[in-house]
Amino acid sequence: MANWESKNISDVVKDIDDRKFVLPVIQRRLVWEEEKMELLFDTLLRGDSFGGVMVIREDKNTQPLFPFRPFTKDGESIPSAEVDTIPQQQSFVVDGQQRLQTFYIGLTGTINGKILYFDLFSNYNGQFEFQFEGDFSKLPRQAKEDSSKLIRGYKWYPVNVLFNELNRSNNDRIVARNIIASGNIIDDQEKFHIEENVAAFYRNIFSGKTLGISEVAIDKVTFDEVTNRQRIVELFRRLNDGGTKLSPFDLVASIFKGFDWRMEKFLEETIAEYSDIGLNQDNLIKLIFLLQDNHRKEMTNIDAIDAKFAINNKERIISSLIALRKFLQASDLYNYYKEGNRSFIPLYFVLYHIFHKELADNEIENFFKNYDANNSEFPRIKKWIYYSLINGVFKSKGAGWIPYKTGIRKLLDEIKGHKNKEFPTDDLFDVYYEHGVTFTETFDASNLDGLDSQFLFYLMYDRKMIIRVQDIDHIMPKSILEGLNYEWPKINSIRNYQLIDYGTNRGDKNASPFKDWIDTLPDKKSFVKSHLIPLDESLWLEAEFEKFIEAREKLILNKITSYMGE
């Protein structure tokens, strides 16, 4: 049964500073953005409800149920630590940590190198304005015309300074008078606004008990440690209907950490190290399931075996990820995945294949070191992933199956029969054919527009790293072509598309005849080569559009086949 107690925020902030309130390892990191934190302070000073906080109490000189970490004062992550006993009674926050973290940072700390400011000229009957800023000169000086402010100017005051001044004096009128005097404020309306805003700040943070704390008891007599941990984790499910929602994989991560606190470090360090190839929390957790030949694992039936598997195989998983990164680099796919927003599904199965080799961890790490000589696996894996990507078999729509469900299940069913054998390229292709997935191993004019455009562009532009903001745009302007009555499928074909930098696309090029525009380029020869433009300049006229796209089609197909046949 939960017991509720009302507290003022200043006391809770002091308790956070004294580590009487801490965060159990199952809690995720701070996720609120600055704007949401600013709005919470406005809500607080208005006197509106913002939800309570739920904690579990651990008594002095006992071993806590969970390893824990203190609240962050600067927004940076702090690792959890395991202790045998705690030197004081502590409250472990299981719900409301984003709100408490916001109060702690706003009143005493920083976020992204910025402190919180309070506009003491705020309309105290409308909106209390707060803003995080690292450079005082960047704060707004005058309100916009549509603002509800009664005073057009701003009087920004550091919240941490105001908090400390009120904490020392315990008198809002004295603090307000000092601010008025030091700022040489003589206007009566401005004085009144400062007094009202300081009073609202004091009333809701110091004198008023505005924060509800619910304490949940733990029955350490009836239930064992693991059961109690999972009972607390279960709160996340029930509390997930409100507040800052946890994703299903956030909940899974909490469950994992509830079984073994070392999962926190494993998840965070591994994700940070391999985010460049698209690894995130969701992918890593899914990988742990797949490596155990389980594609159906649900949050509701995760058990200690999963956490044990991950911890016991941590070094092998990391060695497999190292090998994967080397594979992507050697196969010229690293830049593709580094751009982000790519399907991780094919990488699951490269990792699966490497992980299940009967090799030592250090041998796994160096599995592709001889990729260009005697490694028979490298070209097989490369062929499978290249053909899979260009056919778009892992796209969320239009592939002929649901990749994240059906695709993973079918591919896992096949590849798990090839552990410690040659990579089953042809067998995986057969999975596509048998399931009716849109897939081809030959490329010609009939299927060019059906290929995955993202990977097709990647090949067309020589698999280079993107160093600019790019548009996908027509080579010959669609407005001119439409006026010449060309068919829309031809106008919007890959044969008439290019990747071009944002500035150029919105400059003189826009709606200009292609030949007129290209003749203005200082390095026309380089542009023609990189964008696969036919060399015959007589085809650069919109009147010759069909001949132009026919010639460019051949250049594109030649480029594709040159890379697919490597």
Protein backbone atom coordinates (compact mmCIF):
# COMPACT_ATOMS: atom_id res chain seq x y z
CA MET A 1 0.00 0.00 0.00
CA ALA A 2 1.31 3.46 -0.91
CA ASN A 3 1.48 6.31 1.64
CA TRP A 4 1.28 9.88 0.32
CA GLU A 5 3.11 12.83 1.84
CA SER A 6 3.23 16.45 0.65
CA LYS A 7 6.58 18.24 0.66
CA ASN A 8 7.91 21.56 -0.49
CA ILE A 9 10.26 21.45 -3.42
CA SER A 10 13.15 23.22 -1.70
CA ASP A 11 13.37 20.44 0.90
CA VAL A 12 13.28 17.73 -1.76
CA VAL A 13 16.03 19.48 -3.74
CA LYS A 14 18.17 19.54 -0.59
CA ASP A 15 17.45 15.83 -0.08
CA ILE A 16 18.51 15.16 -3.67
CA ASP A 17 21.73 17.06 -3.02
CA ASP A 18 22.29 14.95 0.12
CA ARG A 19 21.54 11.78 -1.87
CA LYS A 20 18.49 10.93 0.18
CA PHE A 21 16.64 10.70 -3.13
CA VAL A 22 18.43 8.53 -5.69
CA LEU A 23 17.71 6.72 -8.95
CA PRO A 24 17.63 2.90 -9.13
CA VAL A 25 19.51 1.28 -11.98
CA ILE A 26 16.26 0.38 -13.74
CA GLN A 27 15.58 4.06 -14.39
CA ARG A 28 16.50 5.46 -17.78
CA ARG A 29 18.44 8.68 -18.27
CA LEU A 30 17.16 12.24 -18.42
CA VAL A 31 15.15 12.58 -21.63
CA TRP A 32 13.28 15.86 -21.21
CA GLU A 33 14.25 18.69 -23.54
CA GLU A 34 14.91 22.22 -22.30
CA GLU A 35 11.52 23.51 -23.43
CA LYS A 36 9.63 20.87 -21.47
CA MET A 37 11.69 21.65 -18.37
CA GLU A 38 10.91 25.35 -18.74
CA LEU A 39 7.19 24.60 -19.02
CA LEU A 40 7.26 22.57 -15.80
CA PHE A 41 8.42 25.64 -13.87
CA ASP A 42 5.59 27.67 -15.42
CA THR A 43 3.13 24.94 -14.38
CA LEU A 44 4.56 24.93 -10.87
CA LEU A 45 4.27 28.69 -10.36
CA ARG A 46 0.73 28.74 -11.76
CA GLY A 47 -0.23 26.29 -9.03
CA ASP A 48 -1.39 23.69 -11.55
CA SER A 49 -1.10 19.96 -10.97
CA PHE A 50 1.95 18.23 -12.43
CA GLY A 51 1.74 14.73 -10.95
CA GLY A 52 3.30 13.10 -7.95
CA VAL A 53 6.48 11.13 -7.38
CA MET A 54 6.64 7.46 -6.44
CA VAL A 55 9.52 6.07 -4.41
CA ILE A 56 10.57 2.92 -2.60
CA ARG A 57 12.24 3.43 0.75
CA GLU A 58 15.41 1.63 1.74
CA ASP A 59 16.45 1.76 5.39
CA LYS A 60 19.83 2.74 6.80
CA ASN A 61 22.47 -0.02 7.08
CA THR A 62 20.61 -2.37 4.73
CA GLN A 63 21.51 -3.59 1.26
CA PRO A 64 19.27 -1.83 -1.26
CA LEU A 65 17.23 -3.80 -3.76
CA PHE A 66 18.92 -2.05 -6.68
CA PRO A 67 22.27 -0.49 -7.44
CA PHE A 68 21.70 3.24 -7.85
CA ARG A 69 23.07 6.58 -9.00
CA PRO A 70 22.60 10.17 -7.83
CA PHE A 71 20.64 12.74 -9.79
CA THR A 72 22.70 14.60 -12.37
CA LYS A 73 23.36 18.28 -11.83
CA ASP A 74 24.52 19.03 -15.37
CA GLY A 75 22.52 16.61 -17.51
CA GLU A 76 25.44 14.23 -18.01
CA SER A 77 25.02 10.50 -17.39
CA ILE A 78 26.25 9.07 -14.10
CA PRO A 79 26.88 5.31 -13.86
CA SER A 80 25.06 3.29 -11.21
CA ALA A 81 27.00 1.66 -8.41
CA GLU A 82 26.37 -1.42 -6.31
CA VAL A 83 26.82 -1.12 -2.54
CA ASP A 84 26.59 -3.59 0.31
CA THR A 85 24.80 -1.20 2.67
CA ILE A 86 23.60 2.39 2.59
CA PRO A 87 24.67 4.87 5.31
CA GLN A 88 21.28 6.60 5.54
CA GLN A 89 17.64 6.04 4.69
CA GLN A 90 17.15 6.62 0.98
CA SER A 91 14.20 7.03 -1.36
CA PHE A 92 14.60 5.28 -4.72
CA VAL A 93 12.55 7.15 -7.33
CA VAL A 94 10.58 4.82 -9.59
CA ASP A 95 8.25 7.41 -11.11
CA GLY A 96 8.60 11.16 -11.53
CA GLN A 97 12.36 11.27 -12.00
CA GLN A 98 12.10 13.61 -15.03
CA ARG A 99 10.21 16.15 -12.91
CA LEU A 100 12.57 15.87 -9.95
CA GLN A 101 15.56 16.03 -12.26
CA THR A 102 14.10 19.19 -13.83
CA PHE A 103 13.67 20.90 -10.46
CA TYR A 104 17.17 19.90 -9.37
CA ILE A 105 18.86 21.13 -12.55
CA GLY A 106 16.73 24.26 -12.86
CA LEU A 107 17.24 25.37 -9.27
CA THR A 108 20.84 24.33 -8.72
CA GLY A 109 22.52 23.15 -11.92
CA THR A 110 22.87 23.37 -15.69
CA ILE A 111 21.77 21.56 -18.84
CA ASN A 112 23.82 21.66 -22.03
CA GLY A 113 26.01 24.27 -20.36
CA LYS A 114 23.01 26.57 -19.75
CA ILE A 115 21.42 27.85 -16.55
CA LEU A 116 17.74 28.62 -16.09
CA TYR A 117 16.54 32.24 -16.10
CA PHE A 118 13.22 33.60 -14.82
CA ASP A 119 11.62 36.72 -16.31
CA LEU A 120 10.60 38.78 -13.27
CA PHE A 121 8.44 40.92 -15.57
CA SER A 122 6.32 37.85 -16.42
CA ASN A 123 2.56 38.26 -16.51
CA TYR A 124 1.89 36.55 -13.18
CA ASN A 125 -1.78 36.10 -14.17
CA GLY A 126 -0.80 34.55 -17.49
CA GLN A 127 2.51 32.83 -18.15
CA PHE A 128 5.62 32.63 -16.01
CA GLU A 129 8.45 32.75 -18.53
CA PHE A 130 11.58 30.65 -18.01
CA GLN A 131 14.44 30.02 -20.41
CA PHE A 132 17.68 28.06 -20.35
CA GLU A 133 20.62 30.01 -21.77
CA GLY A 134 24.41 29.89 -21.59
CA ASP A 135 24.94 33.43 -22.85
CA PHE A 136 22.94 36.14 -21.07
CA SER A 137 23.19 38.44 -24.09
CA LYS A 138 21.18 35.94 -26.17
CA LEU A 139 18.08 36.18 -24.00
CA PRO A 140 15.21 38.16 -25.59
CA ARG A 141 14.95 41.82 -24.61
CA GLN A 142 11.54 42.78 -26.00
CA ALA A 143 8.38 40.70 -26.28
CA LYS A 144 6.66 40.08 -29.61
CA GLU A 145 3.45 41.89 -30.47
CA ASP A 146 1.28 38.81 -29.84
CA SER A 147 2.75 38.22 -26.37
CA SER A 148 0.49 38.19 -23.31
CA LYS A 149 3.08 40.15 -21.33
CA LEU A 150 1.87 43.38 -19.76
CA ILE A 151 5.41 44.75 -19.74
CA ARG A 152 7.06 44.53 -23.14
CA GLY A 153 10.58 44.29 -21.75
CA TYR A 154 12.17 41.40 -19.86
CA LYS A 155 13.87 41.24 -16.48
CA TRP A 156 15.83 37.98 -16.65
CA TYR A 157 17.13 36.70 -13.34
CA PRO A 158 19.18 33.52 -12.73
CA VAL A 159 16.96 30.94 -11.05
CA ASN A 160 19.84 29.42 -9.08
CA VAL A 161 20.67 32.86 -7.64
CA LEU A 162 17.03 33.53 -6.76
CA PHE A 163 16.77 30.09 -5.16
CA ASN A 164 19.85 30.68 -2.99
CA GLU A 165 18.78 34.20 -1.98
CA LEU A 166 15.34 33.00 -0.88
CA ASN A 167 16.88 30.00 0.86
CA ARG A 168 19.16 32.27 2.92
CA SER A 169 16.64 34.99 3.76
CA ASN A 170 13.41 32.96 3.90
CA ASN A 171 11.69 36.24 3.02
CA ASP A 172 10.44 36.96 -0.50
CA ARG A 173 9.76 40.66 0.20
CA ILE A 174 13.36 41.33 1.19
CA VAL A 175 14.68 39.53 -1.88
CA ALA A 176 12.28 41.41 -4.17
CA ARG A 177 13.27 44.78 -2.66
CA ASN A 178 16.97 43.97 -3.12
CA ILE A 179 16.42 43.05 -6.78
CA ILE A 180 14.47 46.26 -7.36
CA ALA A 181 17.17 48.36 -5.68
CA SER A 182 20.12 46.71 -7.43
CA GLY A 183 18.36 47.03 -10.80
CA ASN A 184 17.44 50.69 -10.22
CA ILE A 185 13.81 49.89 -10.95
CA ILE A 186 11.66 53.02 -10.50
CA ASP A 187 8.52 52.17 -12.49
CA ASP A 188 5.71 51.12 -10.14
CA GLN A 189 4.31 48.51 -12.55
CA GLU A 190 7.73 46.91 -12.95
CA LYS A 191 8.26 46.90 -9.17
CA PHE A 192 4.89 45.25 -8.65
CA HIS A 193 5.63 42.55 -11.23
CA ILE A 194 8.95 41.72 -9.59
CA GLU A 195 7.28 41.46 -6.17
CA GLU A 196 4.48 39.22 -7.47
CA ASN A 197 6.80 36.93 -9.42
CA VAL A 198 9.27 36.52 -6.56
CA ALA A 199 6.33 35.82 -4.23
CA ALA A 200 4.96 33.16 -6.59
CA PHE A 201 8.40 31.55 -6.80
CA TYR A 202 8.77 31.53 -3.01
CA ARG A 203 5.23 30.33 -2.40
CA ASN A 204 5.45 27.32 -4.74
CA ILE A 205 9.03 26.25 -4.07
CA PHE A 206 9.64 27.13 -0.40
CA SER A 207 6.52 27.70 1.67
CA GLY A 208 3.93 25.59 -0.13
CA LYS A 209 3.89 21.80 -0.04
CA THR A 210 3.41 21.42 -3.77
CA LEU A 211 5.03 18.04 -4.37
CA GLY A 212 3.30 14.77 -3.56
CA ILE A 213 5.54 11.82 -2.63
CA SER A 214 4.10 8.31 -2.62
CA GLU A 215 6.12 5.72 -0.74
CA VAL A 216 5.74 2.08 -1.80
CA ALA A 217 6.59 -0.61 0.71
CA ILE A 218 8.72 -3.63 -0.20
CA ASP A 219 7.94 -6.97 1.37
CA LYS A 220 11.42 -8.46 1.80
CA VAL A 221 10.09 -11.22 4.04
CA THR A 222 7.56 -12.83 1.71
CA PHE A 223 9.36 -12.31 -1.60
CA ASP A 224 12.93 -12.98 -2.64
CA GLU A 225 15.21 -10.33 -4.11
CA VAL A 226 14.63 -11.13 -7.80
CA THR A 227 10.86 -11.22 -7.35
CA ASN A 228 10.87 -7.88 -5.56
CA ARG A 229 13.00 -6.34 -8.28
CA GLN A 230 10.59 -7.45 -10.97
CA ARG A 231 7.61 -6.27 -8.94
CA ILE A 232 9.13 -2.80 -8.94
CA VAL A 233 9.88 -3.00 -12.65
CA GLU A 234 6.23 -3.92 -13.16
CA LEU A 235 5.36 -0.43 -11.93
CA PHE A 236 6.81 0.90 -15.16
CA ARG A 237 4.16 -0.94 -17.13
CA ARG A 238 1.31 0.41 -15.04
CA LEU A 239 2.69 3.92 -14.94
CA ASN A 240 3.41 4.01 -18.66
CA ASP A 241 -0.03 5.37 -19.50
CA GLY A 242 0.95 8.85 -18.37
CA GLY A 243 3.92 11.16 -18.11
CA THR A 244 6.90 10.61 -20.36
CA LYS A 245 6.07 7.30 -21.95
CA LEU A 246 8.58 4.51 -21.95
CA SER A 247 8.93 2.71 -25.25
CA PRO A 248 8.55 -1.09 -25.16
CA PHE A 249 12.31 -1.40 -25.42
CA ASP A 250 12.84 1.11 -22.60
CA LEU A 251 10.73 -1.21 -20.48
CA VAL A 252 12.74 -4.20 -21.66
CA ALA A 253 15.94 -2.39 -20.71
CA SER A 254 14.51 -1.72 -17.25
CA ILE A 255 13.63 -5.40 -16.85
CA PHE A 256 17.11 -6.43 -17.96
CA LYS A 257 18.70 -4.10 -15.42
CA GLY A 258 16.35 -5.43 -12.79
CA PHE A 259 17.79 -8.91 -13.30
CA ASP A 260 21.42 -7.81 -13.49
CA TRP A 261 22.53 -4.25 -12.83
CA ARG A 262 25.60 -4.73 -15.02
CA MET A 263 23.24 -4.58 -18.00
CA GLU A 264 23.11 -0.79 -17.59
CA LYS A 265 26.82 -0.40 -18.33
CA PHE A 266 26.74 -3.01 -21.08
CA LEU A 267 23.81 -1.39 -22.88
CA GLU A 268 25.04 2.18 -22.55
CA GLU A 269 28.69 1.59 -23.43
CA THR A 270 27.95 -0.72 -26.35
CA ILE A 271 25.36 1.62 -27.86
CA ALA A 272 27.65 4.63 -27.49
CA GLU A 273 30.55 2.82 -29.17
CA TYR A 274 28.61 1.40 -32.12
CA SER A 275 26.00 4.08 -32.78
CA ASP A 276 27.98 4.96 -35.92
CA ILE A 277 26.72 1.79 -37.60
CA GLY A 278 23.13 2.28 -36.50
CA LEU A 279 23.14 0.36 -33.21
CA ASN A 280 20.64 1.64 -30.68
CA GLN A 281 18.95 0.26 -27.58
CA ASP A 282 16.14 -1.40 -29.53
CA ASN A 283 18.55 -3.09 -31.95
CA LEU A 284 20.88 -4.32 -29.23
CA ILE A 285 18.08 -5.85 -27.17
CA LYS A 286 16.61 -7.51 -30.26
CA LEU A 287 20.08 -8.83 -31.12
CA ILE A 288 20.35 -10.48 -27.69
CA PHE A 289 17.12 -12.36 -28.42
CA LEU A 290 18.11 -13.36 -31.95
CA LEU A 291 21.51 -14.67 -30.90
CA GLN A 292 19.55 -17.12 -28.73
CA ASP A 293 17.49 -18.19 -31.78
CA ASN A 294 14.43 -16.42 -30.45
CA HIS A 295 12.63 -13.94 -32.71
CA ARG A 296 9.39 -13.97 -30.70
CA LYS A 297 10.69 -12.90 -27.32
CA GLU A 298 8.27 -10.49 -25.73
CA MET A 299 8.71 -8.09 -22.88
CA THR A 300 6.27 -10.07 -20.79
CA ASN A 301 8.37 -13.24 -20.75
CA ILE A 302 11.91 -11.93 -20.44
CA ASP A 303 13.69 -13.74 -17.66
CA ALA A 304 17.03 -13.82 -15.90
CA ILE A 305 18.42 -16.15 -18.59
CA ASP A 306 18.40 -13.30 -21.12
CA ALA A 307 20.38 -10.96 -18.89
CA LYS A 308 22.75 -13.79 -17.98
CA PHE A 309 23.28 -14.59 -21.67
CA ALA A 310 24.14 -10.97 -22.46
CA ILE A 311 26.55 -10.56 -19.55
CA ASN A 312 28.24 -13.94 -20.04
CA ASN A 313 28.66 -13.27 -23.77
CA LYS A 314 29.42 -9.58 -23.53
CA GLU A 315 32.95 -9.86 -24.91
CA ARG A 316 31.83 -12.07 -27.78
CA ILE A 317 29.00 -9.71 -28.70
CA ILE A 318 31.43 -6.79 -28.71
CA SER A 319 33.96 -8.77 -30.77
CA SER A 320 31.19 -9.52 -33.26
CA LEU A 321 30.32 -5.82 -33.46
CA ILE A 322 33.97 -4.96 -34.07
CA ALA A 323 34.05 -7.51 -36.88
CA LEU A 324 30.81 -6.12 -38.30
CA ARG A 325 32.20 -2.61 -38.41
CA LYS A 326 35.31 -3.89 -40.22
CA PHE A 327 33.08 -5.72 -42.68
CA LEU A 328 31.09 -2.57 -43.41
CA GLN A 329 34.28 -0.63 -43.96
CA ALA A 330 35.81 -3.27 -46.23
CA SER A 331 32.60 -3.69 -48.24
CA ASP A 332 32.13 0.09 -48.67
CA LEU A 333 28.90 0.04 -46.68
CA TYR A 334 30.14 1.96 -43.66
CA ASN A 335 29.24 5.37 -45.10
CA TYR A 336 25.78 4.06 -45.98
CA TYR A 337 25.05 3.01 -42.41
CA LYS A 338 26.76 6.00 -40.85
CA GLU A 339 24.28 8.31 -42.58
CA GLY A 340 21.63 6.90 -40.24
CA ASN A 341 18.04 5.75 -40.59
CA ARG A 342 19.02 2.46 -42.23
CA SER A 343 17.46 -0.91 -41.54
CA PHE A 344 19.50 -2.88 -39.02
CA ILE A 345 17.87 -6.16 -40.05
CA PRO A 346 20.63 -7.38 -42.41
CA LEU A 347 23.24 -6.52 -39.80
CA TYR A 348 21.50 -8.81 -37.29
CA PHE A 349 22.27 -11.78 -39.51
CA VAL A 350 25.85 -10.82 -40.26
CA LEU A 351 26.35 -10.57 -36.49
CA TYR A 352 24.50 -13.85 -35.93
CA HIS A 353 26.71 -15.66 -38.45
CA ILE A 354 29.93 -14.31 -36.93
CA PHE A 355 28.85 -14.82 -33.32
CA HIS A 356 28.12 -18.52 -33.85
CA LYS A 357 31.47 -19.34 -35.43
CA GLU A 358 33.49 -21.82 -33.37
CA LEU A 359 36.27 -19.30 -32.88
CA ALA A 360 37.81 -17.51 -29.92
CA ASP A 361 36.65 -13.96 -29.26
CA ASN A 362 39.86 -12.41 -30.59
CA GLU A 363 39.54 -14.50 -33.76
CA ILE A 364 35.96 -13.28 -34.16
CA GLU A 365 37.16 -9.68 -33.94
CA ASN A 366 39.63 -10.26 -36.78
CA PHE A 367 37.35 -12.44 -38.87
CA PHE A 368 37.53 -10.14 -41.90
CA LYS A 369 41.18 -9.09 -41.71
CA ASN A 370 41.91 -11.08 -44.90
CA TYR A 371 38.77 -9.92 -46.69
CA ASP A 372 40.68 -9.21 -49.91
CA ALA A 373 42.57 -12.51 -50.08
CA ASN A 374 41.57 -15.89 -48.68
CA ASN A 375 38.33 -15.08 -46.90
CA SER A 376 35.61 -17.01 -48.74
CA GLU A 377 32.92 -15.68 -46.40
CA PHE A 378 33.44 -11.99 -47.19
CA PRO A 379 32.18 -12.00 -50.82
CA ARG A 380 29.23 -14.24 -49.90
CA ILE A 381 28.06 -11.92 -47.14
CA LYS A 382 28.73 -8.84 -49.24
CA LYS A 383 26.70 -10.21 -52.13
CA TRP A 384 23.76 -11.05 -49.88
CA ILE A 385 23.61 -7.65 -48.22
CA TYR A 386 24.17 -5.68 -51.45
CA TYR A 387 21.42 -7.52 -53.32
CA SER A 388 19.10 -7.34 -50.32
CA LEU A 389 19.59 -3.59 -49.95
CA ILE A 390 19.21 -2.67 -53.61
CA ASN A 391 16.00 -4.71 -53.81
CA GLY A 392 14.66 -2.99 -50.71
CA VAL A 393 13.66 -6.24 -49.02
CA PHE A 394 13.87 -4.56 -45.61
CA LYS A 395 11.74 -1.53 -46.46
CA SER A 396 8.76 -1.00 -44.18
CA LYS A 397 6.36 -0.88 -47.14
CA GLY A 398 6.21 -2.45 -50.56
CA ALA A 399 8.71 -5.28 -50.06
CA GLY A 400 6.13 -8.06 -50.08
CA TRP A 401 6.40 -8.91 -46.39
CA ILE A 402 6.70 -7.25 -42.99
CA PRO A 403 10.51 -7.18 -42.60
CA TYR A 404 10.64 -6.73 -38.83
CA LYS A 405 8.29 -9.66 -38.21
CA THR A 406 8.00 -12.08 -41.12
CA GLY A 407 11.39 -11.15 -42.55
CA ILE A 408 13.34 -11.71 -39.36
CA ARG A 409 11.47 -14.95 -38.61
CA LYS A 410 12.04 -16.45 -42.06
CA LEU A 411 15.69 -15.43 -42.26
CA LEU A 412 16.42 -16.69 -38.74
CA ASP A 413 14.75 -20.02 -39.49
CA GLU A 414 17.13 -20.43 -42.43
CA ILE A 415 20.40 -19.10 -41.09
CA LYS A 416 20.28 -20.93 -37.76
CA GLY A 417 20.75 -24.16 -39.70
CA HIS A 418 24.12 -22.88 -40.96
CA LYS A 419 25.95 -22.20 -37.71
CA ASN A 420 29.71 -22.51 -38.15
CA LYS A 421 29.24 -23.15 -41.88
CA GLU A 422 29.66 -21.00 -44.99
CA PHE A 423 27.34 -18.02 -45.14
CA PRO A 424 24.17 -19.26 -46.92
CA THR A 425 23.81 -16.54 -49.57
CA ASP A 426 21.78 -18.55 -52.07
CA ASP A 427 19.61 -20.12 -49.38
CA LEU A 428 18.69 -16.67 -48.08
CA PHE A 429 17.90 -15.55 -51.62
CA ASP A 430 15.62 -18.59 -51.87
CA VAL A 431 13.76 -17.33 -48.79
CA TYR A 432 12.92 -14.17 -50.74
CA TYR A 433 11.78 -16.09 -53.81
CA GLU A 434 9.71 -18.60 -51.84
CA HIS A 435 7.95 -15.91 -49.86
CA GLY A 436 7.16 -13.78 -52.89
CA VAL A 437 9.35 -10.87 -51.83
CA THR A 438 10.11 -8.33 -54.55
CA PHE A 439 13.61 -9.44 -55.47
CA THR A 440 15.79 -9.81 -58.55
CA GLU A 441 19.41 -10.69 -59.26
CA THR A 442 19.40 -9.05 -62.70
CA PHE A 443 19.00 -5.37 -63.40
CA ASP A 444 17.67 -3.82 -66.58
CA ALA A 445 15.40 -1.06 -67.87
CA SER A 446 12.26 -2.90 -66.76
CA ASN A 447 13.08 -2.97 -63.05
CA LEU A 448 15.34 0.05 -62.56
CA ASP A 449 12.64 2.25 -61.04
CA GLY A 450 11.57 -0.56 -58.71
CA LEU A 451 14.94 -0.71 -56.95
CA ASP A 452 15.49 0.94 -53.59
CA SER A 453 16.27 4.57 -54.36
CA GLN A 454 18.37 5.20 -51.24
CA PHE A 455 20.81 2.41 -51.97
CA LEU A 456 20.68 3.08 -55.70
CA PHE A 457 21.79 6.68 -55.13
CA TYR A 458 24.50 5.43 -52.79
CA LEU A 459 25.94 3.29 -55.61
CA MET A 460 25.43 5.94 -58.28
CA TYR A 461 27.50 8.39 -56.26
CA ASP A 462 30.34 5.93 -55.69
CA ARG A 463 29.50 5.04 -52.07
CA LYS A 464 31.05 8.25 -50.78
CA MET A 465 30.44 9.82 -47.41
CA ILE A 466 27.86 12.62 -47.51
CA ILE A 467 29.36 15.92 -46.34
CA ARG A 468 26.50 18.27 -47.21
CA VAL A 469 22.74 18.71 -47.00
CA GLN A 470 21.35 17.21 -50.20
CA ASP A 471 18.13 17.34 -52.15
CA ILE A 472 16.78 14.65 -54.43
CA ASP A 473 15.73 16.63 -57.46
CA HIS A 474 14.99 16.41 -61.17
CA ILE A 475 17.87 16.94 -63.57
CA MET A 476 15.65 18.41 -66.26
CA PRO A 477 12.99 20.58 -64.56
CA LYS A 478 9.61 18.93 -64.26
CA SER A 479 7.81 22.21 -65.01
CA ILE A 480 9.46 22.42 -68.44
CA LEU A 481 8.99 18.71 -69.16
CA GLU A 482 5.35 18.85 -68.13
CA GLY A 483 4.84 21.73 -70.55
CA LEU A 484 6.28 19.53 -73.31
CA ASN A 485 3.71 16.82 -72.45
CA TYR A 486 6.15 14.13 -71.32
CA GLU A 487 4.63 11.34 -69.22
CA TRP A 488 4.83 11.68 -65.44
CA PRO A 489 6.44 8.25 -64.90
CA LYS A 490 9.30 9.31 -67.17
CA ILE A 491 9.65 12.76 -65.60
CA ASN A 492 9.77 11.20 -62.12
CA SER A 493 12.02 8.28 -63.03
CA ILE A 494 15.35 7.60 -61.33
CA ARG A 495 16.80 8.35 -64.76
CA ASN A 496 15.91 12.02 -64.22
CA TYR A 497 16.85 12.28 -60.55
CA GLN A 498 20.08 13.40 -58.92
CA LEU A 499 21.44 14.30 -55.50
CA ILE A 500 22.36 17.96 -55.39
CA ASP A 501 23.30 20.32 -52.59
CA TYR A 502 20.52 22.30 -50.97
CA GLY A 503 21.81 25.75 -51.91
CA THR A 504 22.39 24.97 -55.59
CA ASN A 505 18.99 23.33 -55.97
CA ARG A 506 17.18 26.39 -54.65
CA GLY A 507 19.31 28.84 -56.61
CA ASP A 508 19.56 29.65 -60.32
CA LYS A 509 19.04 25.99 -61.23
CA ASN A 510 15.41 25.98 -60.18
CA ALA A 511 13.20 25.76 -63.32
CA SER A 512 16.09 26.73 -65.63
CA PRO A 513 16.59 24.70 -68.83
CA PHE A 514 19.17 22.06 -68.01
CA LYS A 515 21.67 22.96 -70.74
CA ASP A 516 21.52 26.67 -69.90
CA TRP A 517 22.16 25.95 -66.24
CA ILE A 518 24.92 23.36 -66.64
CA ASP A 519 26.84 25.70 -68.97
CA THR A 520 27.16 28.15 -66.06
CA LEU A 521 29.05 25.68 -63.85
CA PRO A 522 32.75 26.38 -63.29
CA ASP A 523 33.60 22.65 -63.40
CA LYS A 524 31.06 21.23 -65.81
CA LYS A 525 33.22 18.21 -66.60
CA SER A 526 33.32 17.10 -62.96
CA PHE A 527 29.56 17.58 -62.58
CA VAL A 528 28.85 15.48 -65.67
CA LYS A 529 31.02 12.66 -64.37
CA SER A 530 29.72 12.56 -60.79
CA HIS A 531 26.03 12.80 -61.76
CA LEU A 532 26.23 10.27 -64.61
CA ILE A 533 25.21 12.80 -67.25
CA PRO A 534 25.47 11.54 -70.87
CA LEU A 535 28.49 13.09 -72.61
CA ASP A 536 26.54 13.93 -75.76
CA GLU A 537 25.56 17.57 -75.15
CA SER A 538 22.93 17.42 -77.88
CA LEU A 539 20.87 15.34 -75.42
CA TRP A 540 20.92 18.05 -72.75
CA LEU A 541 17.92 19.80 -74.27
CA GLU A 542 14.46 19.15 -72.82
CA ALA A 543 13.28 18.47 -76.37
CA GLU A 544 15.59 15.43 -76.35
CA PHE A 545 14.47 14.27 -72.91
CA GLU A 546 13.57 10.69 -73.87
CA LYS A 547 16.93 10.13 -75.54
CA PHE A 548 18.61 11.72 -72.51
CA ILE A 549 17.01 9.35 -69.99
CA GLU A 550 17.66 6.36 -72.23
CA ALA A 551 21.37 7.22 -72.35
CA ARG A 552 21.51 7.92 -68.61
CA GLU A 553 19.74 4.64 -67.89
CA LYS A 554 22.67 2.78 -69.45
CA LEU A 555 25.16 4.74 -67.34
CA ILE A 556 23.21 3.93 -64.17
CA LEU A 557 22.93 0.23 -64.98
CA ASN A 558 26.65 0.05 -65.79
CA LYS A 559 27.44 1.66 -62.45
CA ILE A 560 25.16 -0.73 -60.54
CA THR A 561 26.47 -3.88 -62.19
CA SER A 562 30.08 -2.80 -61.67
CA TYR A 563 29.53 -2.65 -57.90
CA MET A 564 27.18 -5.61 -57.59
CA GLY A 565 29.67 -7.85 -59.37
CA GLU A 566 32.66 -6.99 -57.20
